[in-house]
Amino acid sequence: MDHAAVLALFDRDMRENARPFGPDSVVERVDGVVRHVGSEQGWNGVLWSDLTEADADAAIAEQRRHFARLGRAFEWKLYGHDRPHDLGRRLLAAGFTPEPAETLMVVEAGELELDAEPPPGVELRPVTDAAGVDLMVDVHEQAFGTPGTGLRHQLLALLDEAPDTVVAVVALAGDIPVSSARMELVPGTRFAGLWGGGTVEAWRGRGIYRALIVHRARIAAERGYPYLQVDASDQSRPILRRLGFAPLTTTVPYVHAAP
């Protein structure tokens, strides 16, 4: 895989030419910035920018004003190759708070090992309704320690209005949800995004995360997506590398609180 070429393709497909994440959101392009405006419960933030040292501070200030008018917290998703080189410092100075860095990792779907199955006693079940979403939210809150309100809103909206753009799955040990994940499929792009892979603490280290990656990869390949993309944490990066994912750059969410 030509890492530079794939990263440039990712920037075009998923950032510069981004599509709305759901039926209740829009993408706006203003003064060198591509921003995603969702509902109050959805994702709001900057996906891509083409800025210089001369205009970066003004663009940052404008995004702050825009989301303040909406009364929304928002995220500036900064990638390691974004310019200007000190954009992160400028965001800090403007009142943003950085969250932990992640690694953008990509694999060609045809190169991925597809032989992983869940451990004995664990079943992977598709999520297609509100009851399944509740199971996913339960796992999310246990695994990540954060509220699942936004996730519930996003999944219910997608399953109701755009079910072909999301693949959600929960891992059950008997009737107990122990892990979950989703995949977002944006029509017209070449990257299937793998998101939200989380396992409750007592069930970690048993191969469930790997099985969820492989399960979604099979579906992506069947639907014709040539690449799989993950924003990988320190915990998931070694597993993904063993599966064949390559790191392309880093990404840091810079978050600005609601007014």
Protein backbone atom coordinates (compact mmCIF):
# COMPACT_ATOMS: atom_id res chain seq x y z
CA MET A 1 0.00 0.00 0.00
CA ASP A 2 1.28 3.45 -0.93
CA HIS A 3 0.79 5.19 2.42
CA ALA A 4 1.08 8.76 1.09
CA ALA A 5 -1.37 8.12 -1.74
CA VAL A 6 -3.91 6.43 0.55
CA LEU A 7 -3.64 9.28 3.09
CA ALA A 8 -4.27 11.82 0.32
CA LEU A 9 -7.28 9.76 -0.82
CA PHE A 10 -8.58 9.64 2.76
CA ASP A 11 -8.26 13.41 3.06
CA ARG A 12 -10.28 13.91 -0.13
CA ASP A 13 -12.96 11.29 0.52
CA MET A 14 -13.56 11.56 4.23
CA ARG A 15 -12.53 15.11 5.11
CA GLU A 16 -12.46 17.67 2.30
CA ASN A 17 -15.47 16.10 0.54
CA ALA A 18 -17.14 14.81 3.72
CA ARG A 19 -20.82 13.86 3.72
CA PRO A 20 -23.22 14.38 6.65
CA PHE A 21 -22.97 11.68 9.29
CA GLY A 22 -26.72 11.32 9.60
CA PRO A 23 -30.10 12.53 8.36
CA ASP A 24 -30.22 15.40 10.88
CA SER A 25 -26.85 16.94 10.03
CA VAL A 26 -25.19 19.04 7.32
CA VAL A 27 -21.66 19.69 6.04
CA GLU A 28 -20.68 23.31 5.45
CA ARG A 29 -17.63 24.71 3.63
CA VAL A 30 -16.60 28.19 4.74
CA ASP A 31 -13.28 30.04 4.28
CA GLY A 32 -10.99 27.05 4.04
CA VAL A 33 -12.81 24.99 6.67
CA VAL A 34 -15.11 21.98 6.30
CA ARG A 35 -17.35 21.65 9.33
CA HIS A 36 -20.02 19.15 10.32
CA VAL A 37 -23.10 20.53 12.04
CA GLY A 38 -25.24 17.93 13.72
CA SER A 39 -28.05 17.99 16.23
CA GLU A 40 -27.44 18.92 19.85
CA GLN A 41 -26.90 15.21 20.59
CA GLY A 42 -24.90 14.57 17.42
CA TRP A 43 -21.31 15.27 16.38
CA ASN A 44 -20.35 18.86 15.72
CA GLY A 45 -16.94 19.93 14.60
CA VAL A 46 -14.27 20.70 12.03
CA LEU A 47 -13.22 17.81 9.78
CA TRP A 48 -10.76 19.48 7.42
CA SER A 49 -9.05 22.80 6.90
CA ASP A 50 -6.74 24.45 4.39
CA LEU A 51 -5.17 27.20 6.47
CA THR A 52 -1.96 29.18 6.67
CA GLU A 53 -0.19 31.01 9.45
CA ALA A 54 -1.79 34.20 8.16
CA ASP A 55 -5.44 33.08 8.33
CA ALA A 56 -5.55 30.24 10.90
CA ASP A 57 -6.39 32.36 13.96
CA ALA A 58 -9.23 34.14 12.17
CA ALA A 59 -10.66 30.79 10.98
CA ILE A 60 -10.48 29.37 14.51
CA ALA A 61 -12.26 32.44 15.91
CA GLU A 62 -15.00 32.16 13.29
CA GLN A 63 -15.66 28.51 14.15
CA ARG A 64 -15.89 29.41 17.83
CA ARG A 65 -18.43 32.13 17.03
CA HIS A 66 -20.44 29.86 14.76
CA PHE A 67 -20.87 27.03 17.24
CA ALA A 68 -21.40 29.48 20.11
CA ARG A 69 -24.36 30.93 18.20
CA LEU A 70 -25.74 27.39 18.02
CA GLY A 71 -25.03 26.81 21.70
CA ARG A 72 -22.96 23.72 20.88
CA ALA A 73 -19.76 22.15 22.10
CA PHE A 74 -17.65 21.14 19.12
CA GLU A 75 -14.47 19.33 18.16
CA TRP A 76 -11.65 20.35 15.85
CA LYS A 77 -10.30 17.03 14.56
CA LEU A 78 -6.62 17.78 14.00
CA TYR A 79 -4.45 15.36 12.00
CA GLY A 80 -0.69 15.13 12.28
CA HIS A 81 -0.07 16.41 8.75
CA ASP A 82 -2.47 19.38 8.94
CA ARG A 83 -1.14 22.89 8.40
CA PRO A 84 -0.01 25.25 9.66
CA HIS A 85 2.38 23.16 11.71
CA ASP A 86 1.44 24.98 14.95
CA LEU A 87 -2.34 24.62 14.52
CA GLY A 88 -2.57 22.59 17.73
CA ARG A 89 -0.87 25.37 19.71
CA ARG A 90 -3.26 27.90 18.20
CA LEU A 91 -6.26 25.79 19.20
CA LEU A 92 -4.94 25.55 22.75
CA ALA A 93 -4.54 29.32 22.89
CA ALA A 94 -8.15 29.70 21.69
CA GLY A 95 -9.51 27.68 24.61
CA PHE A 96 -9.69 24.17 23.14
CA THR A 97 -8.82 21.11 25.24
CA PRO A 98 -6.97 18.21 23.58
CA GLU A 99 -8.17 14.67 24.18
CA PRO A 100 -5.86 11.64 23.93
CA ALA A 101 -4.15 11.21 20.56
CA GLU A 102 -5.16 8.32 18.33
CA THR A 103 -3.58 6.78 15.24
CA LEU A 104 -5.30 6.74 11.87
CA MET A 105 -4.84 3.15 10.66
CA VAL A 106 -5.91 1.77 7.27
CA VAL A 107 -5.86 -1.62 5.58
CA GLU A 108 -6.87 -2.78 2.14
CA ALA A 109 -9.93 -4.95 2.67
CA GLY A 110 -8.53 -7.69 0.44
CA GLU A 111 -5.35 -7.92 2.52
CA LEU A 112 -7.01 -8.45 5.90
CA GLU A 113 -6.93 -11.81 7.61
CA LEU A 114 -10.57 -12.89 7.96
CA ASP A 115 -10.23 -15.98 10.12
CA ALA A 116 -11.01 -14.65 13.62
CA GLU A 117 -14.12 -15.92 15.38
CA PRO A 118 -15.50 -14.95 18.81
CA PRO A 119 -14.50 -17.15 21.76
CA PRO A 120 -16.73 -20.07 22.81
CA GLY A 121 -19.93 -18.93 24.45
CA VAL A 122 -19.93 -15.51 22.76
CA GLU A 123 -22.32 -14.69 19.93
CA LEU A 124 -22.13 -11.70 17.58
CA ARG A 125 -25.61 -10.33 16.97
CA PRO A 126 -26.61 -7.62 14.46
CA VAL A 127 -28.22 -4.52 15.96
CA THR A 128 -31.30 -3.45 14.02
CA ASP A 129 -33.71 -1.96 16.56
CA ALA A 130 -33.98 0.07 19.74
CA ALA A 131 -33.50 -2.95 21.99
CA GLY A 132 -30.19 -3.73 20.31
CA VAL A 133 -29.12 -0.09 20.56
CA ASP A 134 -29.78 -0.23 24.31
CA LEU A 135 -27.43 -3.20 24.58
CA MET A 136 -24.73 -1.30 22.66
CA VAL A 137 -25.13 1.76 24.87
CA ASP A 138 -24.84 -0.41 27.98
CA VAL A 139 -21.51 -1.78 26.71
CA HIS A 140 -20.30 1.69 25.69
CA GLU A 141 -20.94 3.15 29.13
CA GLN A 142 -19.21 0.25 30.88
CA ALA A 143 -16.25 0.05 28.50
CA PHE A 144 -15.49 3.75 28.10
CA GLY A 145 -17.00 5.24 31.26
CA THR A 146 -18.80 7.96 29.31
CA PRO A 147 -22.54 8.59 28.77
CA GLY A 148 -24.06 6.88 25.74
CA THR A 149 -26.81 9.45 25.07
CA GLY A 150 -25.21 10.74 21.87
CA LEU A 151 -24.50 7.24 20.60
CA ARG A 152 -28.12 6.19 21.22
CA HIS A 153 -29.43 9.21 19.34
CA GLN A 154 -27.07 8.69 16.40
CA LEU A 155 -27.75 4.97 16.00
CA LEU A 156 -31.52 5.26 16.31
CA ALA A 157 -31.57 8.00 13.66
CA LEU A 158 -29.38 6.01 11.26
CA LEU A 159 -31.28 2.75 11.72
CA ASP A 160 -34.56 4.57 11.14
CA GLU A 161 -33.63 6.80 8.19
CA ALA A 162 -30.41 5.45 6.63
CA PRO A 163 -29.96 1.81 7.67
CA ASP A 164 -27.67 1.00 4.73
CA THR A 165 -25.02 3.39 6.06
CA VAL A 166 -24.41 1.70 9.41
CA VAL A 167 -23.55 -1.82 10.55
CA ALA A 168 -23.90 -2.27 14.30
CA VAL A 169 -23.13 -5.43 16.24
CA VAL A 170 -23.16 -6.50 19.87
CA ALA A 171 -21.32 -9.48 21.39
CA LEU A 172 -23.39 -11.45 23.88
CA ALA A 173 -22.24 -13.98 26.46
CA GLY A 174 -25.57 -15.71 26.94
CA ASP A 175 -27.89 -12.72 27.29
CA ILE A 176 -25.22 -10.39 28.73
CA PRO A 177 -23.75 -7.75 26.39
CA VAL A 178 -19.96 -7.80 26.72
CA SER A 179 -18.70 -5.93 23.63
CA SER A 180 -20.04 -3.88 20.75
CA ALA A 181 -18.94 -1.95 17.68
CA ARG A 182 -20.26 -0.25 14.57
CA MET A 183 -19.19 0.45 11.01
CA GLU A 184 -20.16 3.55 9.05
CA LEU A 185 -20.49 3.23 5.27
CA VAL A 186 -20.66 6.53 3.42
CA PRO A 187 -21.94 6.10 -0.16
CA GLY A 188 -19.51 7.35 -2.79
CA THR A 189 -16.42 6.94 -0.61
CA ARG A 190 -13.79 4.21 -0.52
CA PHE A 191 -13.32 3.91 3.23
CA ALA A 192 -15.45 1.93 5.66
CA GLY A 193 -15.04 3.46 9.09
CA LEU A 194 -14.77 1.14 12.10
CA TRP A 195 -15.93 2.84 15.28
CA GLY A 196 -16.76 2.25 18.90
CA GLY A 197 -15.12 -1.12 19.46
CA GLY A 198 -15.36 -1.54 23.22
CA THR A 199 -15.36 -4.51 25.58
CA VAL A 200 -16.33 -4.55 29.23
CA GLU A 201 -13.30 -5.04 31.44
CA ALA A 202 -14.00 -8.60 32.60
CA TRP A 203 -14.12 -9.85 28.98
CA ARG A 204 -11.02 -8.17 27.58
CA GLY A 205 -8.12 -10.18 26.23
CA ARG A 206 -10.26 -13.02 24.83
CA GLY A 207 -10.27 -12.07 21.15
CA ILE A 208 -13.68 -10.40 20.99
CA TYR A 209 -12.33 -7.10 19.65
CA ARG A 210 -10.46 -8.93 16.89
CA ALA A 211 -13.60 -10.91 16.01
CA LEU A 212 -15.63 -7.68 15.75
CA ILE A 213 -13.01 -6.19 13.39
CA VAL A 214 -13.13 -9.25 11.14
CA HIS A 215 -16.94 -9.45 11.21
CA ARG A 216 -17.25 -5.87 9.96
CA ALA A 217 -14.42 -6.30 7.45
CA ARG A 218 -16.26 -9.15 5.76
CA ILE A 219 -19.34 -6.98 5.34
CA ALA A 220 -17.31 -4.04 4.02
CA ALA A 221 -15.64 -6.28 1.43
CA GLU A 222 -19.01 -7.66 0.36
CA ARG A 223 -20.30 -4.12 -0.16
CA GLY A 224 -17.32 -3.09 -2.27
CA TYR A 225 -15.36 -0.81 0.07
CA PRO A 226 -11.64 -1.21 -0.74
CA TYR A 227 -10.28 0.26 2.52
CA LEU A 228 -11.03 -0.05 6.22
CA GLN A 229 -10.20 2.88 8.52
CA VAL A 230 -9.85 3.07 12.31
CA ASP A 231 -8.91 5.83 14.74
CA ALA A 232 -6.92 3.51 16.99
CA SER A 233 -6.21 3.94 20.67
CA ASP A 234 -3.00 2.72 22.29
CA GLN A 235 -4.86 -0.43 23.37
CA SER A 236 -6.24 -1.35 19.95
CA ARG A 237 -3.24 -0.37 17.83
CA PRO A 238 -1.20 -3.58 18.44
CA ILE A 239 -4.19 -5.79 17.57
CA LEU A 240 -4.83 -3.84 14.38
CA ARG A 241 -1.19 -4.03 13.32
CA ARG A 242 -1.24 -7.80 13.71
CA LEU A 243 -4.30 -7.87 11.45
CA GLY A 244 -2.46 -5.87 8.78
CA PHE A 245 -3.55 -2.28 9.45
CA ALA A 246 -0.88 0.36 8.76
CA PRO A 247 -0.54 3.67 10.65
CA LEU A 248 -0.84 6.70 8.36
CA THR A 249 -0.90 9.67 10.75
CA THR A 250 -2.08 10.74 14.18
CA THR A 251 -5.30 12.50 15.08
CA VAL A 252 -6.13 14.55 18.16
CA PRO A 253 -9.62 15.82 19.01
CA TYR A 254 -9.46 19.40 20.27
CA VAL A 255 -12.72 20.08 22.10
CA HIS A 256 -14.32 23.46 22.77
CA ALA A 257 -17.04 23.53 25.41
CA ALA A 258 -20.50 24.91 24.78
CA PRO A 259 -20.97 28.56 25.87
